[in-house]
C-alpha cells in the first residue's frame, strides 16, 4: 500500500510540474474534491474527509512548489518587471506675442 501511495505521489508531482498538463491535474483534483465519488465517501464522518484533506493538501503543496520554483527561476534569469517610467523634467519658455 505504501508503494502505491508513493507511486501516486511521484506521478502527481511530475505531472503537475509539467506546464502542458498542469491545468488538467488542477481541474481533475478540484472535480475530485467536489465530486461525491471518493475513495472514502464523504457521508462517513471523519474517514470520508481524510482523503479529501490529503488530496487538497497535496494540491496546495505542489502548487506552492511550482510557484516557488518559477519565482526562483525568474530571479536567476534576471527577468523582472520593467521599471516604471521616470518623470521627465521639461523647461517651459514663455513666448509673448
N, C-alpha and C. Protein backbone atom coordinates (compact mmCIF):
# COMPACT_ATOMS: atom_id res chain seq x y z
N UNK A 1 0.83 -1.20 0.00
CA UNK A 1 0.00 0.00 0.00
C UNK A 1 0.87 1.26 0.00
N UNK A 2 1.95 1.21 0.78
CA UNK A 2 2.84 2.37 0.86
C UNK A 2 3.48 2.66 -0.50
N UNK A 3 3.84 1.59 -1.22
CA UNK A 3 4.44 1.74 -2.53
C UNK A 3 3.46 2.36 -3.52
N UNK A 4 2.18 2.00 -3.41
CA UNK A 4 1.14 2.56 -4.28
C UNK A 4 0.96 4.05 -4.01
N UNK A 5 0.94 4.43 -2.75
CA UNK A 5 0.79 5.84 -2.38
C UNK A 5 2.00 6.64 -2.87
N UNK A 6 3.20 6.11 -2.70
CA UNK A 6 4.41 6.79 -3.15
C UNK A 6 4.43 6.92 -4.67
N UNK A 7 3.98 5.91 -5.37
CA UNK A 7 3.91 5.96 -6.84
C UNK A 7 2.93 7.04 -7.29
N UNK A 8 1.77 7.11 -6.64
CA UNK A 8 0.79 8.15 -6.98
C UNK A 8 1.35 9.53 -6.71
N UNK A 9 2.01 9.70 -5.57
CA UNK A 9 2.60 11.00 -5.23
C UNK A 9 3.64 11.42 -6.26
N UNK A 10 4.51 10.50 -6.66
CA UNK A 10 5.54 10.83 -7.66
C UNK A 10 4.91 11.19 -8.99
N UNK A 11 3.90 10.44 -9.42
CA UNK A 11 3.22 10.75 -10.67
C UNK A 11 2.55 12.12 -10.60
N UNK A 12 1.86 12.39 -9.51
CA UNK A 12 1.16 13.66 -9.35
C UNK A 12 2.16 14.82 -9.38
N UNK A 13 3.27 14.68 -8.67
CA UNK A 13 4.27 15.73 -8.59
C UNK A 13 4.89 16.01 -9.97
N UNK A 14 5.23 14.97 -10.69
CA UNK A 14 5.83 15.15 -12.01
C UNK A 14 4.84 15.74 -13.00
N UNK A 15 3.60 15.31 -12.94
CA UNK A 15 2.61 15.77 -13.89
C UNK A 15 2.21 17.22 -13.64
N UNK A 16 2.07 17.62 -12.38
CA UNK A 16 1.64 18.99 -12.09
C UNK A 16 2.77 19.98 -12.39
N UNK A 17 4.00 19.53 -12.40
CA UNK A 17 5.12 20.41 -12.72
C UNK A 17 5.34 20.54 -14.22
N UNK A 18 4.66 19.74 -15.01
CA UNK A 18 4.75 19.84 -16.46
C UNK A 18 3.72 20.87 -16.94
N UNK A 19 4.17 21.95 -17.59
CA UNK A 19 3.23 23.03 -17.95
C UNK A 19 2.08 22.58 -18.85
N UNK A 20 2.31 21.56 -19.67
CA UNK A 20 1.27 21.12 -20.59
C UNK A 20 0.09 20.47 -19.87
N UNK A 21 0.36 19.78 -18.77
CA UNK A 21 -0.69 19.03 -18.08
C UNK A 21 -1.12 19.66 -16.75
N UNK A 22 -0.53 20.76 -16.38
CA UNK A 22 -0.79 21.37 -15.07
C UNK A 22 -2.27 21.67 -14.86
N UNK A 23 -2.91 22.31 -15.83
CA UNK A 23 -4.31 22.70 -15.64
C UNK A 23 -5.24 21.49 -15.65
N UNK A 24 -4.85 20.44 -16.35
CA UNK A 24 -5.66 19.22 -16.35
C UNK A 24 -5.64 18.60 -14.95
N UNK A 25 -4.47 18.55 -14.33
CA UNK A 25 -4.35 17.98 -12.98
C UNK A 25 -5.09 18.84 -11.97
N UNK A 26 -4.95 20.16 -12.07
CA UNK A 26 -5.66 21.06 -11.14
C UNK A 26 -7.17 20.88 -11.29
N UNK A 27 -7.65 20.87 -12.52
CA UNK A 27 -9.08 20.68 -12.75
C UNK A 27 -9.58 19.33 -12.26
N UNK A 28 -8.81 18.28 -12.54
CA UNK A 28 -9.19 16.94 -12.07
C UNK A 28 -9.22 16.85 -10.56
N UNK A 29 -8.26 17.50 -9.91
CA UNK A 29 -8.23 17.49 -8.45
C UNK A 29 -9.44 18.22 -7.89
N UNK A 30 -9.77 19.37 -8.47
CA UNK A 30 -10.93 20.12 -7.98
C UNK A 30 -12.23 19.35 -8.21
N UNK A 31 -12.33 18.67 -9.35
CA UNK A 31 -13.52 17.84 -9.60
C UNK A 31 -13.61 16.71 -8.57
N UNK A 32 -12.47 16.08 -8.28
CA UNK A 32 -12.45 15.01 -7.28
C UNK A 32 -12.90 15.52 -5.91
N UNK A 33 -12.42 16.73 -5.55
CA UNK A 33 -12.79 17.28 -4.25
C UNK A 33 -14.27 17.62 -4.16
N UNK A 34 -14.87 18.05 -5.27
CA UNK A 34 -16.27 18.44 -5.26
C UNK A 34 -17.22 17.26 -5.56
N UNK A 35 -16.68 16.20 -6.12
CA UNK A 35 -17.49 15.05 -6.52
C UNK A 35 -17.90 14.21 -5.31
N UNK A 36 -19.09 13.64 -5.35
CA UNK A 36 -19.48 12.73 -4.26
C UNK A 36 -18.82 11.37 -4.38
N UNK A 37 -18.17 11.10 -5.52
CA UNK A 37 -17.48 9.82 -5.71
C UNK A 37 -16.06 9.97 -5.21
N UNK A 38 -15.73 9.26 -4.13
CA UNK A 38 -14.43 9.34 -3.50
C UNK A 38 -13.92 7.94 -3.17
N UNK A 39 -12.67 7.90 -2.72
CA UNK A 39 -12.12 6.64 -2.21
C UNK A 39 -12.89 6.25 -0.96
N UNK A 40 -13.08 7.22 -0.07
CA UNK A 40 -13.90 7.04 1.13
C UNK A 40 -15.03 8.07 1.03
N UNK A 41 -16.27 7.62 0.90
CA UNK A 41 -17.39 8.55 0.72
C UNK A 41 -17.49 9.58 1.86
N UNK A 42 -17.90 10.79 1.49
CA UNK A 42 -17.94 11.89 2.46
C UNK A 42 -19.03 11.75 3.51
N UNK A 43 -20.02 10.91 3.27
CA UNK A 43 -21.08 10.78 4.28
C UNK A 43 -20.62 9.99 5.50
N UNK A 44 -19.46 9.34 5.41
CA UNK A 44 -18.87 8.68 6.58
C UNK A 44 -18.07 9.74 7.34
N UNK A 45 -18.47 10.08 8.55
CA UNK A 45 -17.79 11.16 9.27
C UNK A 45 -16.30 10.86 9.48
N UNK A 46 -15.51 11.86 9.41
CA UNK A 46 -14.06 11.89 9.62
C UNK A 46 -13.31 11.06 8.57
N UNK A 47 -13.61 9.78 8.45
CA UNK A 47 -12.91 8.93 7.48
C UNK A 47 -13.16 9.43 6.05
N UNK A 48 -14.36 9.86 5.78
CA UNK A 48 -14.70 10.36 4.46
C UNK A 48 -14.03 11.68 4.11
N UNK A 49 -13.62 12.41 5.12
CA UNK A 49 -12.98 13.71 4.88
C UNK A 49 -11.46 13.60 4.79
N UNK A 50 -10.90 12.49 5.27
CA UNK A 50 -9.45 12.34 5.29
C UNK A 50 -8.87 12.33 3.88
N UNK A 51 -9.48 11.57 2.96
CA UNK A 51 -8.94 11.53 1.60
C UNK A 51 -9.04 12.88 0.91
N UNK A 52 -10.14 13.61 1.15
CA UNK A 52 -10.26 14.95 0.57
C UNK A 52 -9.21 15.90 1.14
N UNK A 53 -8.96 15.80 2.43
CA UNK A 53 -7.95 16.66 3.05
C UNK A 53 -6.56 16.32 2.51
N UNK A 54 -6.28 15.04 2.31
CA UNK A 54 -4.97 14.64 1.78
C UNK A 54 -4.77 15.14 0.36
N UNK A 55 -5.80 15.03 -0.47
CA UNK A 55 -5.70 15.48 -1.86
C UNK A 55 -5.59 17.01 -1.91
N UNK A 56 -6.36 17.71 -1.09
CA UNK A 56 -6.29 19.17 -1.07
C UNK A 56 -4.92 19.64 -0.58
N UNK A 57 -4.37 18.96 0.41
CA UNK A 57 -3.03 19.30 0.92
C UNK A 57 -1.98 19.04 -0.15
N UNK A 58 -2.10 17.93 -0.85
CA UNK A 58 -1.16 17.61 -1.93
C UNK A 58 -1.21 18.68 -3.02
N UNK A 59 -2.40 19.09 -3.41
CA UNK A 59 -2.55 20.13 -4.43
C UNK A 59 -1.91 21.44 -3.97
N UNK A 60 -2.20 21.86 -2.75
CA UNK A 60 -1.66 23.12 -2.24
C UNK A 60 -0.13 23.06 -2.14
N UNK A 61 0.40 21.95 -1.68
CA UNK A 61 1.86 21.81 -1.54
C UNK A 61 2.55 21.85 -2.89
N UNK A 62 2.01 21.14 -3.85
CA UNK A 62 2.65 21.10 -5.17
C UNK A 62 2.52 22.42 -5.91
N UNK A 63 1.38 23.09 -5.78
CA UNK A 63 1.24 24.40 -6.43
C UNK A 63 2.18 25.42 -5.81
N UNK A 64 2.39 25.34 -4.51
CA UNK A 64 3.34 26.27 -3.89
C UNK A 64 4.76 25.98 -4.36
N UNK A 65 5.11 24.71 -4.55
CA UNK A 65 6.43 24.36 -5.07
C UNK A 65 6.61 24.85 -6.51
N UNK A 66 5.57 24.71 -7.32
CA UNK A 66 5.64 25.20 -8.70
C UNK A 66 5.83 26.71 -8.70
N UNK A 67 5.09 27.41 -7.87
CA UNK A 67 5.18 28.86 -7.79
C UNK A 67 6.58 29.30 -7.32
N UNK A 68 7.10 28.63 -6.28
CA UNK A 68 8.43 28.99 -5.77
C UNK A 68 9.52 28.72 -6.79
N UNK A 69 9.44 27.60 -7.49
CA UNK A 69 10.47 27.30 -8.48
C UNK A 69 10.40 28.27 -9.66
N UNK A 70 9.20 28.67 -10.06
CA UNK A 70 9.07 29.66 -11.14
C UNK A 70 9.61 31.01 -10.70
N UNK A 71 9.36 31.40 -9.47
CA UNK A 71 9.87 32.67 -8.96
C UNK A 71 11.39 32.65 -8.87
N UNK A 72 11.94 31.55 -8.40
CA UNK A 72 13.40 31.42 -8.30
C UNK A 72 14.04 31.43 -9.69
N UNK A 73 13.42 30.74 -10.63
CA UNK A 73 13.94 30.70 -12.00
C UNK A 73 13.93 32.10 -12.61
N UNK A 74 12.85 32.84 -12.37
CA UNK A 74 12.73 34.20 -12.91
C UNK A 74 13.80 35.11 -12.32
N UNK A 75 14.07 34.99 -11.04
CA UNK A 75 15.09 35.82 -10.40
C UNK A 75 16.48 35.48 -10.94
N UNK A 76 16.75 34.19 -11.15
CA UNK A 76 18.07 33.78 -11.65
C UNK A 76 18.29 34.23 -13.08
N UNK A 77 17.24 34.24 -13.89
CA UNK A 77 17.40 34.63 -15.29
C UNK A 77 17.44 36.14 -15.46
N UNK A 78 17.10 36.87 -14.42
CA UNK A 78 17.16 38.33 -14.48
C UNK A 78 15.92 38.96 -15.09
N UNK A 79 14.92 38.15 -15.37
CA UNK A 79 13.69 38.71 -15.93
C UNK A 79 12.88 39.31 -14.79
N UNK A 80 12.70 40.58 -14.85
CA UNK A 80 11.89 41.26 -13.86
C UNK A 80 10.91 42.16 -14.60
N UNK A 81 10.05 42.73 -13.87
CA UNK A 81 9.11 43.68 -14.48
C UNK A 81 9.87 44.93 -14.88
N UNK A 82 9.44 45.55 -15.96
CA UNK A 82 10.14 46.78 -16.37
C UNK A 82 9.96 47.87 -15.32
N UNK A 83 10.97 48.69 -15.20
CA UNK A 83 10.92 49.78 -14.23
C UNK A 83 9.86 50.79 -14.66
N UNK A 84 9.19 51.39 -13.70
CA UNK A 84 8.19 52.39 -14.07
C UNK A 84 8.86 53.58 -14.75
N UNK A 85 8.10 54.22 -15.62
CA UNK A 85 8.63 55.37 -16.36
C UNK A 85 9.05 56.46 -15.38
N UNK A 86 10.19 57.06 -15.66
CA UNK A 86 10.69 58.14 -14.82
C UNK A 86 10.00 59.45 -15.21
N UNK A 87 9.89 60.32 -14.24
CA UNK A 87 9.33 61.63 -14.53
C UNK A 87 10.33 62.39 -15.40
N UNK A 88 9.82 63.11 -16.37
CA UNK A 88 10.67 63.89 -17.27
C UNK A 88 10.51 65.35 -16.90
N UNK A 89 11.63 66.04 -16.77
CA UNK A 89 11.62 67.44 -16.40
C UNK A 89 11.72 68.28 -17.67
N UNK A 90 10.68 69.06 -17.94
CA UNK A 90 10.70 69.93 -19.10
C UNK A 90 10.83 71.38 -18.65
N UNK A 91 11.57 72.13 -19.43
CA UNK A 91 11.62 73.57 -19.18
C UNK A 91 10.63 74.23 -20.10
N UNK A 92 9.90 75.15 -19.54
CA UNK A 92 8.93 75.86 -20.36
C UNK A 92 9.46 77.26 -20.65
N UNK A 93 9.19 77.70 -21.82
CA UNK A 93 9.62 79.04 -22.23
C UNK A 93 8.36 79.84 -22.56
N UNK A 94 8.22 80.96 -21.91
CA UNK A 94 7.09 81.83 -22.20
C UNK A 94 7.40 82.64 -23.45
N UNK A 95 6.48 82.60 -24.39
CA UNK A 95 6.63 83.41 -25.60
C UNK A 95 5.52 84.43 -25.59
N UNK A 96 5.94 85.69 -25.54
CA UNK A 96 4.94 86.76 -25.54
C UNK A 96 4.76 87.25 -26.96
N UNK A 97 3.53 87.46 -27.35
CA UNK A 97 3.30 87.96 -28.69
C UNK A 97 2.87 89.40 -28.71
